[in-house]
Each structure stands twice: as structure tokens, then as C-alpha cells.
C-alpha atoms as a PDB file:
ATOM      1  CA  MET A   1       2.793  -2.644 -17.386  1.00  0.00           C
ATOM      2  CA  PRO A   2       1.656  -1.630 -13.898  1.00  0.00           C
ATOM      3  CA  THR A   3       4.079  -0.610 -11.200  1.00  0.00           C
ATOM      4  CA  LEU A   4       3.460  -1.851  -7.656  1.00  0.00           C
ATOM      5  CA  PHE A   5       3.876   0.902  -5.059  1.00  0.00           C
ATOM      6  CA  ILE A   6       4.202  -0.092  -1.405  1.00  0.00           C
ATOM      7  CA  ASP A   7       3.445   2.377   1.374  1.00  0.00           C
ATOM      8  CA  ALA A   8       6.035   0.781   3.657  1.00  0.00           C
ATOM      9  CA  ASP A   9       5.417   3.000   6.700  1.00  0.00           C
ATOM     10  CA  ALA A  10       4.055   0.513   9.273  1.00  0.00           C
ATOM     11  CA  CYS A  11       3.357  -2.049   6.527  1.00  0.00           C
ATOM     12  CA  PRO A  12       3.375  -5.641   7.824  1.00  0.00           C
ATOM     13  CA  VAL A  13       3.381  -7.165   4.311  1.00  0.00           C
ATOM     14  CA  THR A  14       6.183  -5.320   2.519  1.00  0.00           C
ATOM     15  CA  ARG A  15       8.189  -8.521   2.026  1.00  0.00           C
ATOM     16  CA  GLU A  16       5.164 -10.355   0.630  1.00  0.00           C
ATOM     17  CA  ALA A  17       4.336  -7.466  -1.713  1.00  0.00           C
ATOM     18  CA  VAL A  18       7.880  -7.343  -3.111  1.00  0.00           C
ATOM     19  CA  ASP A  19       7.817 -11.140  -3.515  1.00  0.00           C
ATOM     20  CA  ALA A  20       4.525 -10.858  -5.458  1.00  0.00           C
ATOM     21  CA  ALA A  21       6.086  -8.217  -7.743  1.00  0.00           C
ATOM     22  CA  ARG A  22       9.082 -10.513  -8.366  1.00  0.00           C
ATOM     23  CA  LYS A  23       6.751 -13.428  -9.150  1.00  0.00           C
ATOM     24  CA  ALA A  24       4.580 -11.338 -11.518  1.00  0.00           C
ATOM     25  CA  GLN A  25       7.656  -9.643 -13.021  1.00  0.00           C
ATOM     26  CA  VAL A  26       6.348  -6.099 -12.472  1.00  0.00           C
ATOM     27  CA  PRO A  27       8.296  -3.033 -11.294  1.00  0.00           C
ATOM     28  CA  CYS A  28       8.092  -2.218  -7.601  1.00  0.00           C
ATOM     29  CA  VAL A  29       8.636   0.978  -5.605  1.00  0.00           C
ATOM     30  CA  ILE A  30       8.965   0.773  -1.814  1.00  0.00           C
ATOM     31  CA  ALA A  31       8.181   4.153  -0.241  1.00  0.00           C
ATOM     32  CA  GLY A  32       8.674   5.186   3.350  1.00  0.00           C
ATOM     33  CA  ASP A  33      10.083   7.854   5.575  1.00  0.00           C
ATOM     34  CA  SER A  34      13.688   8.165   6.629  1.00  0.00           C
ATOM     35  CA  GLY A  35      12.977   6.335   9.888  1.00  0.00           C
ATOM     36  CA  HIS A  36      12.668   3.024   7.999  1.00  0.00           C
ATOM     37  CA  ASN A  37      15.333   0.818   6.442  1.00  0.00           C
ATOM     38  CA  LEU A  38      13.647   0.238   3.088  1.00  0.00           C
ATOM     39  CA  LEU A  39      16.665  -1.521   1.597  1.00  0.00           C
ATOM     40  CA  LYS A  40      16.143  -4.530   3.869  1.00  0.00           C
ATOM     41  CA  HIS A  41      13.402  -5.623   1.460  1.00  0.00           C
ATOM     42  CA  VAL A  42      15.685  -5.521  -1.586  1.00  0.00           C
ATOM     43  CA  ARG A  43      17.811  -8.540  -2.498  1.00  0.00           C
ATOM     44  CA  LYS A  44      21.351  -8.004  -3.780  1.00  0.00           C
ATOM     45  CA  SER A  45      20.300  -9.765  -6.993  1.00  0.00           C
ATOM     46  CA  ASP A  46      17.281  -7.477  -7.576  1.00  0.00           C
ATOM     47  CA  PRO A  47      17.611  -5.069 -10.506  1.00  0.00           C
ATOM     48  CA  THR A  48      17.349  -1.510  -9.218  1.00  0.00           C
ATOM     49  CA  GLU A  49      17.200   0.278 -12.550  1.00  0.00           C
ATOM     50  CA  PRO A  50      14.184   0.130 -14.869  1.00  0.00           C
ATOM     51  CA  THR A  51      14.281  -2.917 -17.117  1.00  0.00           C
ATOM     52  CA  ASP A  52      11.685  -5.030 -18.844  1.00  0.00           C
ATOM     53  CA  GLY A  53       9.910  -6.871 -16.044  1.00  0.00           C
ATOM     54  CA  PHE A  54      10.747  -6.742 -12.362  1.00  0.00           C
ATOM     55  CA  TRP A  55      12.973  -4.129 -10.815  1.00  0.00           C
ATOM     56  CA  VAL A  56      12.782  -2.517  -7.390  1.00  0.00           C
ATOM     57  CA  ARG A  57      13.486   0.997  -6.205  1.00  0.00           C
ATOM     58  CA  THR A  58      13.246   2.596  -2.784  1.00  0.00           C
ATOM     59  CA  LEU A  59      11.652   6.005  -2.408  1.00  0.00           C
ATOM     60  CA  GLN A  60      12.837   7.469   0.889  1.00  0.00           C
ATOM     61  CA  VAL A  61      10.998  10.618   2.004  1.00  0.00           C
ATOM     62  CA  ALA A  62      11.397  12.993   4.921  1.00  0.00           C
ATOM     63  CA  GLN A  63       9.637  12.083   8.136  1.00  0.00           C
ATOM     64  CA  GLY A  64       6.260  13.681   8.392  1.00  0.00           C
ATOM     65  CA  LYS A  65       2.608  12.901   8.270  1.00  0.00           C
ATOM     66  CA  ASP A  66       1.599  11.586   4.849  1.00  0.00           C
ATOM     67  CA  SER A  67       5.022  12.283   3.239  1.00  0.00           C
ATOM     68  CA  ALA A  68       5.195   8.820   1.677  1.00  0.00           C
ATOM     69  CA  ASP A  69       1.537   9.044   0.598  1.00  0.00           C
ATOM     70  CA  PHE A  70       2.106  12.244  -1.361  1.00  0.00           C
ATOM     71  CA  ALA A  71       5.360  10.970  -2.873  1.00  0.00           C
ATOM     72  CA  ILE A  72       3.598   7.824  -4.101  1.00  0.00           C
ATOM     73  CA  THR A  73       0.638   9.795  -5.461  1.00  0.00           C
ATOM     74  CA  CYS A  74       2.973  12.050  -7.476  1.00  0.00           C
ATOM     75  CA  GLU A  75       4.480   9.021  -9.241  1.00  0.00           C
ATOM     76  CA  LEU A  76       1.279   7.040  -9.873  1.00  0.00           C
ATOM     77  CA  ASP A  77       0.045   6.327 -13.353  1.00  0.00           C
ATOM     78  CA  GLU A  78      -3.280   4.895 -14.385  1.00  0.00           C
ATOM     79  CA  GLY A  79      -3.193   1.122 -13.998  1.00  0.00           C
ATOM     80  CA  ASP A  80      -0.595   1.069 -11.196  1.00  0.00           C
ATOM     81  CA  ILE A  81      -1.265  -0.698  -7.886  1.00  0.00           C
ATOM     82  CA  VAL A  82      -0.782   0.683  -4.371  1.00  0.00           C
ATOM     83  CA  VAL A  83      -0.407  -1.371  -1.189  1.00  0.00           C
ATOM     84  CA  THR A  84      -1.530   0.723   1.776  1.00  0.00           C
ATOM     85  CA  GLN A  85      -3.497   0.637   4.972  1.00  0.00           C
ATOM     86  CA  ASP A  86      -4.226   4.353   4.639  1.00  0.00           C
ATOM     87  CA  PHE A  87      -7.701   5.144   3.276  1.00  0.00           C
ATOM     88  CA  GLY A  88      -6.543   8.605   2.195  1.00  0.00           C
ATOM     89  CA  LEU A  89      -3.787   7.208  -0.010  1.00  0.00           C
ATOM     90  CA  ALA A  90      -6.167   4.554  -1.348  1.00  0.00           C
ATOM     91  CA  SER A  91      -8.624   7.309  -2.265  1.00  0.00           C
ATOM     92  CA  MET A  92      -5.947   9.349  -4.038  1.00  0.00           C
ATOM     93  CA  ALA A  93      -4.781   6.244  -5.913  1.00  0.00           C
ATOM     94  CA  LEU A  94      -8.299   5.408  -7.078  1.00  0.00           C
ATOM     95  CA  GLY A  95      -8.755   9.010  -8.173  1.00  0.00           C
ATOM     96  CA  ARG A  96      -5.688   8.672 -10.415  1.00  0.00           C
ATOM     97  CA  GLY A  97      -6.959   5.478 -12.024  1.00  0.00           C
ATOM     98  CA  ALA A  98      -4.743   3.145 -10.011  1.00  0.00           C
ATOM     99  CA  ALA A  99      -5.839   0.134  -7.970  1.00  0.00           C
ATOM    100  CA  ALA A 100      -5.392  -0.037  -4.197  1.00  0.00           C
ATOM    101  CA  ILE A 101      -5.213  -2.959  -1.786  1.00  0.00           C
ATOM    102  CA  GLY A 102      -5.063  -2.932   2.007  1.00  0.00           C
ATOM    103  CA  VAL A 103      -2.530  -4.875   4.047  1.00  0.00           C
ATOM    104  CA  ARG A 104      -5.241  -7.346   5.120  1.00  0.00           C
ATOM    105  CA  GLY A 105      -6.146  -7.982   1.479  1.00  0.00           C
ATOM    106  CA  GLN A 106      -9.083  -5.586   1.159  1.00  0.00           C
ATOM    107  CA  LEU A 107      -9.467  -4.323  -2.397  1.00  0.00           C
ATOM    108  CA  TYR A 108     -10.473  -0.672  -2.280  1.00  0.00           C
ATOM    109  CA  ASP A 109     -12.901   0.587  -4.899  1.00  0.00           C
ATOM    110  CA  GLN A 110     -14.807   3.715  -5.859  1.00  0.00           C
ATOM    111  CA  ARG A 111     -18.088   2.343  -4.445  1.00  0.00           C
ATOM    112  CA  THR A 112     -16.792   2.038  -0.879  1.00  0.00           C
ATOM    113  CA  ILE A 113     -13.925   4.503  -0.488  1.00  0.00           C
ATOM    114  CA  ASP A 114     -16.149   7.432   0.481  1.00  0.00           C
ATOM    115  CA  ALA A 115     -17.650   5.459   3.378  1.00  0.00           C
ATOM    116  CA  LEU A 116     -14.160   4.439   4.518  1.00  0.00           C
ATOM    117  CA  MET A 117     -13.053   8.072   4.391  1.00  0.00           C
ATOM    118  CA  LEU A 118     -16.038   9.048   6.550  1.00  0.00           C
ATOM    119  CA  VAL A 119     -15.062   6.416   9.127  1.00  0.00           C
ATOM    120  CA  ARG A 120     -11.464   7.695   9.023  1.00  0.00           C
ATOM    121  CA  HIS A 121     -12.654  11.245   9.625  1.00  0.00           C
ATOM    122  CA  ALA A 122     -14.904  10.182  12.528  1.00  0.00           C
ATOM    123  CA  GLU A 123     -12.011   8.279  14.115  1.00  0.00           C
ATOM    124  CA  GLN A 124      -9.717  11.307  13.762  1.00  0.00           C
ATOM    125  CA  VAL A 125     -12.313  13.560  15.388  1.00  0.00           C
ATOM    126  CA  GLU A 126     -12.685  11.063  18.210  1.00  0.00           C
ATOM    127  CA  ARG A 127      -8.925  10.776  18.742  1.00  0.00           C
ATOM    128  CA  ARG A 128      -8.634  14.548  18.882  1.00  0.00           C
ATOM    129  CA  SER A 129     -11.285  14.660  21.571  1.00  0.00           C
ATOM    130  CA  LYS A 130      -9.349  11.907  23.411  1.00  0.00           C
ATOM    131  CA  ARG A 131     -12.464   9.835  23.924  1.00  0.00           C
ATOM    132  CA  ARG A 132     -12.396   6.093  23.714  1.00  0.00           C
ATOM    133  CA  SER A 133     -13.920   4.657  20.547  1.00  0.00           C
ATOM    134  CA  LYS A 134     -17.229   2.968  21.207  1.00  0.00           C
ATOM    135  CA  ILE A 135     -17.135   1.214  17.841  1.00  0.00           C
ATOM    136  CA  GLN A 136     -13.672  -0.362  17.728  1.00  0.00           C
ATOM    137  CA  GLY A 137     -12.189   0.009  21.187  1.00  0.00           C
ATOM    138  CA  ASP A 138      -8.659   1.351  21.457  1.00  0.00           C
ATOM    139  CA  LYS A 139      -6.970  -0.977  18.947  1.00  0.00           C
ATOM    140  CA  HIS A 140      -7.559  -2.704  15.661  1.00  0.00           C
ATOM    141  CA  PRO A 141      -7.521  -6.502  15.795  1.00  0.00           C
ATOM    142  CA  ALA A 142      -4.074  -8.086  15.766  1.00  0.00           C
ATOM    143  CA  PHE A 143      -2.642  -8.812  12.344  1.00  0.00           C
ATOM    144  CA  SER A 144      -2.994 -12.561  11.732  1.00  0.00           C
ATOM    145  CA  ALA A 145      -1.512 -15.256   9.517  1.00  0.00           C
ATOM    146  CA  GLU A 146      -4.888 -15.427   7.743  1.00  0.00           C
ATOM    147  CA  ASP A 147      -4.654 -11.653   7.037  1.00  0.00           C
ATOM    148  CA  ARG A 148      -1.232 -12.253   5.477  1.00  0.00           C
ATOM    149  CA  ARG A 149      -2.483 -15.184   3.340  1.00  0.00           C
ATOM    150  CA  ARG A 150      -5.536 -13.172   2.195  1.00  0.00           C
ATOM    151  CA  PHE A 151      -3.285 -10.257   1.253  1.00  0.00           C
ATOM    152  CA  VAL A 152      -0.956 -12.438  -0.837  1.00  0.00           C
ATOM    153  CA  ARG A 153      -3.853 -14.228  -2.554  1.00  0.00           C
ATOM    154  CA  ASN A 154      -5.668 -10.975  -3.392  1.00  0.00           C
ATOM    155  CA  LEU A 155      -2.532  -9.104  -4.471  1.00  0.00           C
ATOM    156  CA  GLU A 156      -1.455 -11.941  -6.758  1.00  0.00           C
ATOM    157  CA  GLY A 157      -4.964 -11.974  -8.257  1.00  0.00           C
ATOM    158  CA  LEU A 158      -4.948  -8.206  -8.711  1.00  0.00           C
ATOM    159  CA  LEU A 159      -1.531  -8.297 -10.392  1.00  0.00           C
ATOM    160  CA  ALA A 160      -2.694 -11.073 -12.735  1.00  0.00           C
ATOM    161  CA  ASP A 161      -5.835  -9.080 -13.621  1.00  0.00           C
ATOM    162  CA  MET A 162      -3.850  -5.897 -14.268  1.00  0.00           C
ATOM    163  CA  LEU A 163      -1.325  -7.715 -16.454  1.00  0.00           C
ATOM    164  CA  HIS A 164      -4.052  -9.213 -18.632  1.00  0.00           C
ATOM    165  CA  ARG A 165      -5.822  -5.929 -19.402  1.00  0.00           C
END
């Protein structure tokens, strides 16, 4: 059975991801740094110890760049699923045989992750040089209700696919 890992640092769909895990009856791990209240996503009635089916655990890590990403990667098994908006974590997950989905519902895969990593690198170089991005402007588009619906639809589909393998 897959485990759903949520990179909860700046994740706008943590609640929806935990709800999808409850619905699919798969284990769920919510990871984030100590600056986040991860327990707010856990219901009092949620099992917090491994059982058959759904249970939820929080994985609180020290504050620091990529701390949650590395903690998640260390626990991943082949067939698990990661919710993240970080291309680096998505790449590490795919490399370990896990699936990865972005917070806007994008399913990451081996065919496209290298191109996404190149874009990430170019954006980091640009930020370091403090120039304004000519491709995307200063901000990503606002997160929309349609992004949230697409995420839920695609995550539920991914969970169903993983459970029927």
C-alpha cells in the first residue's frame, strides 16, 4: 500500500491531500519545518499509529532549506506518492520509484522532470543576480479554485491507480 507524503511547507492543498488519503484509506505523512503547525491538519479521530488503511503522522523537521524534502526522501519507498511544489523533491521522489504530484495537480514524470529542473536552476541563477525574470515576471499566477479542483481530481486518480497496481 502506498503512503502519501505531503511537503507541507507553503502547501496550499494540505487539507485536501489529507482528505484524499482518508477517502482512499492510505497512510499519510505530513512533513514540514518547525515554523508550521502540522497538527492542525489532523483530526482528533484520525489514527496516528500505523494500522491497516488510513493513519496520519506529522514529521516535524528543523527549519532550513530543503529540510522537509530530505526527511521525506529518506522515508520514501517505491510506490509511495509525494505532494510537492518543489521540482527537486519531485525529482528525488521519481528517482526512488515514487510518484509525485504538484499542488496545482501537475503529475511529474521522468520524461519532463529534467526540463523542470533546468527551469528551476535558471530561475535560481536569475534570483541570485537580482534581475527581474523576463519569462514569468516576479510572481507565479495566483492559486485558484480551479487549481485546487484539478489537484484533488488528479490526486484521487493517482491514488486509485496506485492502489490497483
